[in-house]
Each structure stands twice: as structure tokens, then as C-alpha cells.
Amino acid sequence: MTRAHSACKIKVQILCDDEIAMGPGKADLLEAFAREGSISAAGRALGMSYRRTWLLVDTMNRCWHSPLVETVQGGRKGGGARLTDLGTAILAQYRQLQADLDQASGGAALHALTATLRERPAPAQSPRSPAKH
């Protein structure tokens, strides 16, 4: 049985050398920053540790010409983190790219590519012993 092309999912990652500068998870993280206002709260909202969240932010901030997320030192109101103007712009552009790809995924090229794709992978084959001569 073949899978309908509508079941195909296209995922895009923007690379900076070997680092993923932007991808679906990092876009979700940027949205969490915009909503939650702190590194720890954004991480919790996505089920990530503070360390994992910080490492993802650090990667994004190192990959673009200027940071996407900036931290605010604690004080009377406490610290936090927010999207920079560039972070807001990159997030919007990335989400638009995803929308464009979703719209394009109904095209003939994708249908041709996925026309013979199985619904599930076939069972794994056992490796055969090398033939003895």
C-alpha cells in the first residue's frame, strides 16, 4: 500500500556551517520566549531543561549576525529573556518559509516522489553470512 502524498512532511533547517541556526524546534523555542519571557519558563513550556534551552539559544545567537534572544539581568522585577528585533524577523521569515513549503507540498513533484513510498518500512533483513569459497 502506498502512502498519499498529503502524509509527507517537509522539514527545513537553516545551517550555519555544521550548526543548525534555525529549524522547527528552534522556531518553537523562539515563540516560547516571546510568550513566556524567560529562559527557564520557555524551556519548561517545551519540556526542556534550562541547560538544553540555553545551549539552543547560544547556538542561534552565534549563528546570526546579531543575537535573536537577549537576556535581561535580574532586579526588582527579576530577569528574563526576550526576542530581539532580528529574532522576531527571523521567526516570521522562517514560519513563512514553512507555510510556503506546506503549500508547495501538494505539487506534482512531491506526489511523484512519494507515489511508491511505503506506509511503513518493510521488516529489516537479517545480514547474510559472507559466502564461503
Foldseek 3Di string as FASTA:
>chain_A
DFDFLLPDADWDFDDQVPAGLDTDVVLQLQVLCAVPFALCRSQVVVVHHSVVSVVNQVRNQVRDPHGQKDKACQDPVGIGMHGDPVVVVVSVVVVVVSVVVSVCSVDPVSRVVRVHPHPDDDDDDDDDDDDDD
